[in-house]
Amino acid sequence: MRTIEISTDVFSAIWKNRLGGEETEDAILRRLLGVDVASQGVPTKTRGRGKTLWRDDVREALGQLGGEAHLEDIYRQVRQVRRSAGRRLPRSTEAIIRRELEYNSSDSESFTGNLDWFRSIDGIGAGRWGLRGG
């Protein structure tokens, strides 16, 4: 990773171009510049009017698992969902899945405040997650 210096207005312009699921400047710039976005855990395939995001795959997998499951089962099911859809599985798949669970759960300190889809069943760190309201 390299560090670059940019002005506040350029930094602001980067974040104005953010799409859902992009949580870093690197992810935003990768998409804007067309740099191997598929392997970075950002949208890789269109579905309907938007893009299929990792959080969509995690939500689908949890639904297929009956609404709640242990992380190991979630990892397995998300891999299956992504393989069936022809999407990539980077080496960081498990970390991406954990990130999406935490970013999209008000139970987590990492909650982005956007979508509150997931809940920690036995508390953060216990490894059991479920769909909120389901």
N, C-alpha and C. Protein backbone atom coordinates (compact mmCIF):
# COMPACT_ATOMS: atom_id res chain seq x y z
N MET A 1 0.84 -1.17 0.00
CA MET A 1 0.00 0.00 0.00
C MET A 1 0.89 1.23 0.00
N ARG A 2 0.52 2.20 -0.78
CA ARG A 2 1.23 3.47 -0.83
C ARG A 2 0.37 4.56 -0.21
N THR A 3 0.99 5.59 0.26
CA THR A 3 0.29 6.74 0.81
C THR A 3 0.43 7.89 -0.17
N ILE A 4 -0.69 8.58 -0.43
CA ILE A 4 -0.64 9.76 -1.29
C ILE A 4 -1.28 10.93 -0.53
N GLU A 5 -0.82 12.12 -0.85
CA GLU A 5 -1.41 13.31 -0.25
C GLU A 5 -2.37 13.91 -1.25
N ILE A 6 -3.58 14.24 -0.78
CA ILE A 6 -4.57 14.89 -1.63
C ILE A 6 -5.23 16.02 -0.85
N SER A 7 -5.77 16.96 -1.58
CA SER A 7 -6.45 18.08 -0.93
C SER A 7 -7.81 17.64 -0.41
N THR A 8 -8.38 18.43 0.47
CA THR A 8 -9.67 18.13 1.05
C THR A 8 -10.76 18.07 -0.02
N ASP A 9 -10.70 18.95 -1.02
CA ASP A 9 -11.73 18.94 -2.06
C ASP A 9 -11.64 17.68 -2.93
N VAL A 10 -10.44 17.18 -3.18
CA VAL A 10 -10.30 15.93 -3.94
C VAL A 10 -10.81 14.76 -3.10
N PHE A 11 -10.47 14.75 -1.83
CA PHE A 11 -10.97 13.71 -0.91
C PHE A 11 -12.49 13.69 -0.91
N SER A 12 -13.09 14.87 -0.82
CA SER A 12 -14.54 14.99 -0.84
C SER A 12 -15.12 14.47 -2.15
N ALA A 13 -14.47 14.79 -3.26
CA ALA A 13 -14.94 14.34 -4.58
C ALA A 13 -14.90 12.82 -4.69
N ILE A 14 -13.89 12.20 -4.11
CA ILE A 14 -13.81 10.73 -4.12
C ILE A 14 -15.03 10.16 -3.43
N TRP A 15 -15.35 10.65 -2.23
CA TRP A 15 -16.47 10.11 -1.46
C TRP A 15 -17.83 10.46 -2.07
N LYS A 16 -17.90 11.52 -2.84
CA LYS A 16 -19.15 11.85 -3.54
C LYS A 16 -19.44 10.82 -4.63
N ASN A 17 -18.41 10.12 -5.08
CA ASN A 17 -18.56 9.10 -6.13
C ASN A 17 -18.76 7.70 -5.56
N ARG A 18 -18.90 7.58 -4.26
CA ARG A 18 -19.05 6.28 -3.60
C ARG A 18 -20.37 5.62 -3.96
N LEU A 19 -20.31 4.30 -4.19
CA LEU A 19 -21.49 3.47 -4.36
C LEU A 19 -21.64 2.60 -3.13
N GLY A 20 -22.86 2.14 -2.86
CA GLY A 20 -23.09 1.25 -1.73
C GLY A 20 -22.15 0.07 -1.76
N GLY A 21 -21.60 -0.29 -0.61
CA GLY A 21 -20.68 -1.42 -0.53
C GLY A 21 -19.22 -1.00 -0.61
N GLU A 22 -18.95 0.21 -1.07
CA GLU A 22 -17.58 0.70 -1.13
C GLU A 22 -17.28 1.42 0.18
N GLU A 23 -16.34 0.88 0.93
CA GLU A 23 -16.08 1.40 2.27
C GLU A 23 -14.71 2.04 2.42
N THR A 24 -13.94 2.10 1.33
CA THR A 24 -12.62 2.73 1.40
C THR A 24 -12.39 3.56 0.15
N GLU A 25 -11.45 4.49 0.25
CA GLU A 25 -11.09 5.29 -0.92
C GLU A 25 -10.54 4.37 -2.01
N ASP A 26 -9.80 3.35 -1.61
CA ASP A 26 -9.25 2.40 -2.56
C ASP A 26 -10.35 1.73 -3.38
N ALA A 27 -11.41 1.28 -2.71
CA ALA A 27 -12.52 0.62 -3.42
C ALA A 27 -13.19 1.57 -4.40
N ILE A 28 -13.40 2.81 -3.99
CA ILE A 28 -14.05 3.80 -4.86
C ILE A 28 -13.17 4.06 -6.08
N LEU A 29 -11.89 4.31 -5.85
CA LEU A 29 -10.98 4.61 -6.96
C LEU A 29 -10.78 3.40 -7.87
N ARG A 30 -10.76 2.19 -7.32
CA ARG A 30 -10.64 0.99 -8.16
C ARG A 30 -11.78 0.93 -9.17
N ARG A 31 -13.00 1.20 -8.69
CA ARG A 31 -14.15 1.17 -9.61
C ARG A 31 -14.04 2.28 -10.63
N LEU A 32 -13.76 3.50 -10.16
CA LEU A 32 -13.70 4.64 -11.07
C LEU A 32 -12.60 4.49 -12.12
N LEU A 33 -11.49 3.87 -11.72
CA LEU A 33 -10.35 3.71 -12.63
C LEU A 33 -10.36 2.37 -13.37
N GLY A 34 -11.32 1.51 -13.02
CA GLY A 34 -11.42 0.21 -13.69
C GLY A 34 -10.30 -0.75 -13.33
N VAL A 35 -9.82 -0.69 -12.09
CA VAL A 35 -8.72 -1.53 -11.64
C VAL A 35 -9.25 -2.74 -10.89
N ASP A 36 -9.27 -3.91 -11.51
CA ASP A 36 -9.59 -5.20 -10.90
C ASP A 36 -10.53 -5.11 -9.69
N VAL A 37 -11.71 -4.52 -9.89
CA VAL A 37 -12.64 -4.37 -8.78
C VAL A 37 -13.22 -5.68 -8.30
N ALA A 38 -13.31 -6.70 -9.15
CA ALA A 38 -13.96 -7.96 -8.77
C ALA A 38 -13.24 -8.65 -7.62
N SER A 39 -11.93 -8.53 -7.53
CA SER A 39 -11.21 -9.24 -6.48
C SER A 39 -11.14 -8.45 -5.18
N GLN A 40 -11.75 -7.30 -5.13
CA GLN A 40 -11.65 -6.45 -3.94
C GLN A 40 -12.91 -6.43 -3.09
N GLY A 41 -13.90 -7.28 -3.40
CA GLY A 41 -15.09 -7.34 -2.57
C GLY A 41 -16.08 -6.24 -2.84
N VAL A 42 -16.06 -5.68 -4.04
CA VAL A 42 -17.04 -4.69 -4.44
C VAL A 42 -17.91 -5.29 -5.52
N PRO A 43 -18.95 -4.60 -5.96
CA PRO A 43 -19.89 -5.18 -6.91
C PRO A 43 -19.21 -5.81 -8.11
N THR A 44 -19.69 -7.00 -8.52
CA THR A 44 -19.10 -7.68 -9.65
C THR A 44 -20.10 -8.06 -10.72
N LYS A 45 -21.39 -8.03 -10.44
CA LYS A 45 -22.37 -8.46 -11.42
C LYS A 45 -23.66 -7.68 -11.21
N THR A 46 -24.29 -7.27 -12.29
CA THR A 46 -25.51 -6.51 -12.13
C THR A 46 -26.69 -7.42 -11.87
N ARG A 47 -27.61 -6.94 -11.06
CA ARG A 47 -28.87 -7.63 -10.79
C ARG A 47 -29.92 -6.54 -10.73
N GLY A 48 -30.93 -6.62 -11.58
CA GLY A 48 -31.94 -5.58 -11.59
C GLY A 48 -31.34 -4.26 -12.00
N ARG A 49 -31.66 -3.21 -11.25
CA ARG A 49 -31.16 -1.89 -11.61
C ARG A 49 -29.82 -1.56 -10.97
N GLY A 50 -29.39 -2.34 -9.98
CA GLY A 50 -28.14 -2.05 -9.30
C GLY A 50 -27.13 -3.16 -9.47
N LYS A 51 -26.23 -3.23 -8.55
CA LYS A 51 -25.18 -4.24 -8.58
C LYS A 51 -25.38 -5.21 -7.43
N THR A 52 -24.93 -6.44 -7.63
CA THR A 52 -24.95 -7.42 -6.56
C THR A 52 -23.74 -7.15 -5.68
N LEU A 53 -24.00 -6.93 -4.41
CA LEU A 53 -22.94 -6.64 -3.46
C LEU A 53 -22.71 -7.84 -2.56
N TRP A 54 -21.56 -7.84 -1.90
CA TRP A 54 -21.26 -8.92 -0.96
C TRP A 54 -22.35 -9.04 0.08
N ARG A 55 -22.86 -7.91 0.59
CA ARG A 55 -23.90 -7.97 1.62
C ARG A 55 -25.15 -8.67 1.11
N ASP A 56 -25.45 -8.52 -0.20
CA ASP A 56 -26.60 -9.22 -0.79
C ASP A 56 -26.38 -10.73 -0.76
N ASP A 57 -25.16 -11.15 -1.07
CA ASP A 57 -24.85 -12.58 -1.05
C ASP A 57 -24.91 -13.14 0.37
N VAL A 58 -24.44 -12.36 1.34
CA VAL A 58 -24.49 -12.81 2.74
C VAL A 58 -25.95 -12.93 3.19
N ARG A 59 -26.75 -11.95 2.82
CA ARG A 59 -28.18 -11.98 3.18
C ARG A 59 -28.87 -13.18 2.54
N GLU A 60 -28.59 -13.42 1.26
CA GLU A 60 -29.18 -14.57 0.58
C GLU A 60 -28.76 -15.88 1.24
N ALA A 61 -27.48 -16.00 1.57
CA ALA A 61 -26.97 -17.22 2.20
C ALA A 61 -27.64 -17.45 3.55
N LEU A 62 -27.76 -16.41 4.36
CA LEU A 62 -28.40 -16.56 5.67
C LEU A 62 -29.86 -16.97 5.51
N GLY A 63 -30.53 -16.43 4.52
CA GLY A 63 -31.91 -16.83 4.24
C GLY A 63 -31.99 -18.30 3.89
N GLN A 64 -31.04 -18.78 3.09
CA GLN A 64 -31.01 -20.19 2.70
C GLN A 64 -30.71 -21.09 3.89
N LEU A 65 -30.04 -20.53 4.90
CA LEU A 65 -29.69 -21.29 6.10
C LEU A 65 -30.78 -21.20 7.18
N GLY A 66 -31.92 -20.65 6.83
CA GLY A 66 -33.03 -20.58 7.78
C GLY A 66 -33.06 -19.31 8.63
N GLY A 67 -32.24 -18.33 8.29
CA GLY A 67 -32.29 -17.05 9.00
C GLY A 67 -31.24 -16.84 10.05
N GLU A 68 -30.57 -17.92 10.48
CA GLU A 68 -29.45 -17.77 11.40
C GLU A 68 -28.53 -18.97 11.30
N ALA A 69 -27.24 -18.71 11.57
CA ALA A 69 -26.25 -19.78 11.44
C ALA A 69 -24.92 -19.35 12.06
N HIS A 70 -24.05 -20.31 12.24
CA HIS A 70 -22.69 -20.05 12.72
C HIS A 70 -21.86 -19.57 11.53
N LEU A 71 -20.81 -18.80 11.81
CA LEU A 71 -19.96 -18.26 10.76
C LEU A 71 -19.47 -19.31 9.77
N GLU A 72 -19.04 -20.46 10.26
CA GLU A 72 -18.52 -21.50 9.35
C GLU A 72 -19.58 -21.89 8.32
N ASP A 73 -20.83 -22.00 8.75
CA ASP A 73 -21.91 -22.35 7.82
C ASP A 73 -22.20 -21.19 6.87
N ILE A 74 -22.11 -19.97 7.38
CA ILE A 74 -22.32 -18.80 6.54
C ILE A 74 -21.24 -18.72 5.47
N TYR A 75 -19.98 -18.93 5.85
CA TYR A 75 -18.88 -18.93 4.88
C TYR A 75 -19.17 -19.93 3.74
N ARG A 76 -19.52 -21.15 4.14
CA ARG A 76 -19.78 -22.20 3.16
C ARG A 76 -20.92 -21.82 2.22
N GLN A 77 -22.00 -21.29 2.80
CA GLN A 77 -23.18 -20.97 1.99
C GLN A 77 -22.93 -19.77 1.07
N VAL A 78 -22.20 -18.76 1.55
CA VAL A 78 -21.89 -17.61 0.70
C VAL A 78 -21.02 -18.06 -0.47
N ARG A 79 -20.07 -18.95 -0.20
CA ARG A 79 -19.24 -19.48 -1.30
C ARG A 79 -20.13 -20.15 -2.35
N GLN A 80 -21.09 -20.92 -1.89
CA GLN A 80 -21.99 -21.61 -2.80
C GLN A 80 -22.82 -20.60 -3.61
N VAL A 81 -23.34 -19.58 -2.94
CA VAL A 81 -24.14 -18.54 -3.62
C VAL A 81 -23.30 -17.86 -4.69
N ARG A 82 -22.08 -17.50 -4.35
CA ARG A 82 -21.22 -16.79 -5.31
C ARG A 82 -20.79 -17.69 -6.46
N ARG A 83 -20.45 -18.95 -6.16
CA ARG A 83 -20.09 -19.87 -7.24
C ARG A 83 -21.24 -20.05 -8.21
N SER A 84 -22.46 -20.24 -7.67
CA SER A 84 -23.62 -20.46 -8.55
C SER A 84 -23.90 -19.26 -9.44
N ALA A 85 -23.55 -18.07 -8.96
CA ALA A 85 -23.79 -16.85 -9.73
C ALA A 85 -22.61 -16.49 -10.62
N GLY A 86 -21.54 -17.30 -10.56
CA GLY A 86 -20.37 -17.04 -11.39
C GLY A 86 -19.51 -15.89 -10.89
N ARG A 87 -19.61 -15.58 -9.60
CA ARG A 87 -18.81 -14.49 -9.03
C ARG A 87 -17.54 -15.05 -8.38
N ARG A 88 -16.55 -14.21 -8.27
CA ARG A 88 -15.24 -14.60 -7.73
C ARG A 88 -15.27 -14.84 -6.23
N LEU A 89 -14.30 -15.63 -5.81
CA LEU A 89 -14.07 -15.89 -4.39
C LEU A 89 -12.61 -15.59 -4.08
N PRO A 90 -12.32 -14.36 -3.66
CA PRO A 90 -10.92 -14.04 -3.34
C PRO A 90 -10.47 -14.75 -2.07
N ARG A 91 -9.18 -14.75 -1.84
CA ARG A 91 -8.63 -15.38 -0.63
C ARG A 91 -9.20 -14.76 0.64
N SER A 92 -9.60 -13.51 0.55
CA SER A 92 -10.11 -12.80 1.73
C SER A 92 -11.62 -12.96 1.92
N THR A 93 -12.21 -13.98 1.30
CA THR A 93 -13.67 -14.18 1.35
C THR A 93 -14.21 -14.15 2.78
N GLU A 94 -13.60 -14.88 3.69
CA GLU A 94 -14.12 -14.94 5.06
C GLU A 94 -14.07 -13.58 5.74
N ALA A 95 -13.00 -12.84 5.54
CA ALA A 95 -12.90 -11.50 6.13
C ALA A 95 -13.95 -10.57 5.53
N ILE A 96 -14.21 -10.69 4.24
CA ILE A 96 -15.22 -9.86 3.59
C ILE A 96 -16.60 -10.17 4.16
N ILE A 97 -16.88 -11.44 4.37
CA ILE A 97 -18.18 -11.84 4.93
C ILE A 97 -18.35 -11.28 6.34
N ARG A 98 -17.32 -11.39 7.17
CA ARG A 98 -17.39 -10.82 8.52
C ARG A 98 -17.58 -9.31 8.47
N ARG A 99 -16.86 -8.66 7.55
CA ARG A 99 -17.00 -7.21 7.39
C ARG A 99 -18.44 -6.85 7.05
N GLU A 100 -19.03 -7.56 6.11
CA GLU A 100 -20.41 -7.24 5.70
C GLU A 100 -21.40 -7.47 6.83
N LEU A 101 -21.21 -8.53 7.60
CA LEU A 101 -22.07 -8.77 8.74
C LEU A 101 -21.99 -7.60 9.73
N GLU A 102 -20.77 -7.16 10.02
CA GLU A 102 -20.59 -6.10 11.00
C GLU A 102 -20.99 -4.72 10.48
N TYR A 103 -20.67 -4.42 9.22
CA TYR A 103 -21.04 -3.12 8.64
C TYR A 103 -22.56 -2.96 8.57
N ASN A 104 -23.28 -4.07 8.46
CA ASN A 104 -24.72 -4.03 8.26
C ASN A 104 -25.49 -4.56 9.46
N SER A 105 -24.93 -4.33 10.66
CA SER A 105 -25.58 -4.74 11.91
C SER A 105 -25.41 -3.66 12.96
N SER A 106 -26.52 -3.17 13.50
CA SER A 106 -26.45 -2.17 14.57
C SER A 106 -25.89 -2.76 15.86
N ASP A 107 -25.72 -4.08 15.92
CA ASP A 107 -25.10 -4.72 17.08
C ASP A 107 -23.59 -4.49 17.11
N SER A 108 -23.03 -4.10 15.98
CA SER A 108 -21.58 -3.99 15.83
C SER A 108 -21.10 -2.55 15.96
N GLU A 109 -19.91 -2.38 16.51
CA GLU A 109 -19.29 -1.05 16.56
C GLU A 109 -18.91 -0.57 15.17
N SER A 110 -18.83 -1.49 14.20
CA SER A 110 -18.47 -1.14 12.83
C SER A 110 -19.67 -0.78 11.97
N PHE A 111 -20.85 -0.77 12.55
CA PHE A 111 -22.09 -0.48 11.81
C PHE A 111 -21.96 0.84 11.06
N THR A 112 -22.29 0.82 9.77
CA THR A 112 -22.18 2.02 8.94
C THR A 112 -23.38 2.94 9.08
N GLY A 113 -24.45 2.45 9.70
CA GLY A 113 -25.63 3.27 9.87
C GLY A 113 -26.56 3.23 8.67
N ASN A 114 -26.22 2.43 7.68
CA ASN A 114 -27.01 2.37 6.46
C ASN A 114 -28.08 1.29 6.55
N LEU A 115 -27.72 0.05 6.36
CA LEU A 115 -28.66 -1.07 6.38
C LEU A 115 -28.46 -1.90 7.64
N ASP A 116 -29.53 -2.20 8.33
CA ASP A 116 -29.45 -2.99 9.56
C ASP A 116 -30.07 -4.36 9.31
N TRP A 117 -29.39 -5.16 8.48
CA TRP A 117 -29.93 -6.44 8.01
C TRP A 117 -29.61 -7.59 8.94
N PHE A 118 -28.49 -7.54 9.66
CA PHE A 118 -28.00 -8.68 10.41
C PHE A 118 -27.99 -8.42 11.90
N ARG A 119 -28.06 -9.52 12.67
CA ARG A 119 -27.99 -9.40 14.13
C ARG A 119 -27.05 -10.46 14.67
N SER A 120 -26.37 -10.11 15.73
CA SER A 120 -25.50 -11.05 16.41
C SER A 120 -26.37 -11.84 17.39
N ILE A 121 -26.40 -13.15 17.23
CA ILE A 121 -27.29 -13.99 18.05
C ILE A 121 -26.83 -14.06 19.50
N ASP A 122 -25.55 -14.36 19.72
CA ASP A 122 -25.04 -14.56 21.08
C ASP A 122 -24.04 -13.48 21.48
N GLY A 123 -24.04 -12.34 20.79
CA GLY A 123 -23.09 -11.27 21.07
C GLY A 123 -21.93 -11.30 20.09
N ILE A 124 -21.40 -10.12 19.79
CA ILE A 124 -20.29 -10.00 18.84
C ILE A 124 -19.12 -10.85 19.33
N GLY A 125 -18.57 -11.62 18.41
CA GLY A 125 -17.44 -12.48 18.74
C GLY A 125 -17.83 -13.93 18.99
N ALA A 126 -19.13 -14.18 19.19
CA ALA A 126 -19.57 -15.56 19.46
C ALA A 126 -19.71 -16.37 18.18
N GLY A 127 -19.81 -15.70 17.03
CA GLY A 127 -19.80 -16.42 15.76
C GLY A 127 -21.17 -16.85 15.22
N ARG A 128 -22.25 -16.48 15.87
CA ARG A 128 -23.59 -16.80 15.35
C ARG A 128 -24.27 -15.52 14.90
N TRP A 129 -24.76 -15.55 13.65
CA TRP A 129 -25.42 -14.39 13.06
C TRP A 129 -26.77 -14.78 12.50
N GLY A 130 -27.65 -13.81 12.45
CA GLY A 130 -28.97 -14.03 11.90
C GLY A 130 -29.46 -12.82 11.13
N LEU A 131 -30.56 -13.02 10.43
CA LEU A 131 -31.21 -11.92 9.73
C LEU A 131 -32.05 -11.15 10.74
N ARG A 132 -31.96 -9.86 10.71
CA ARG A 132 -32.76 -9.04 11.62
C ARG A 132 -34.22 -9.11 11.17
N GLY A 133 -35.08 -9.35 12.13
CA GLY A 133 -36.51 -9.44 11.82
C GLY A 133 -36.91 -10.73 11.15
N GLY A 134 -35.98 -11.71 11.11
CA GLY A 134 -36.30 -12.95 10.42
C GLY A 134 -35.85 -14.15 11.09
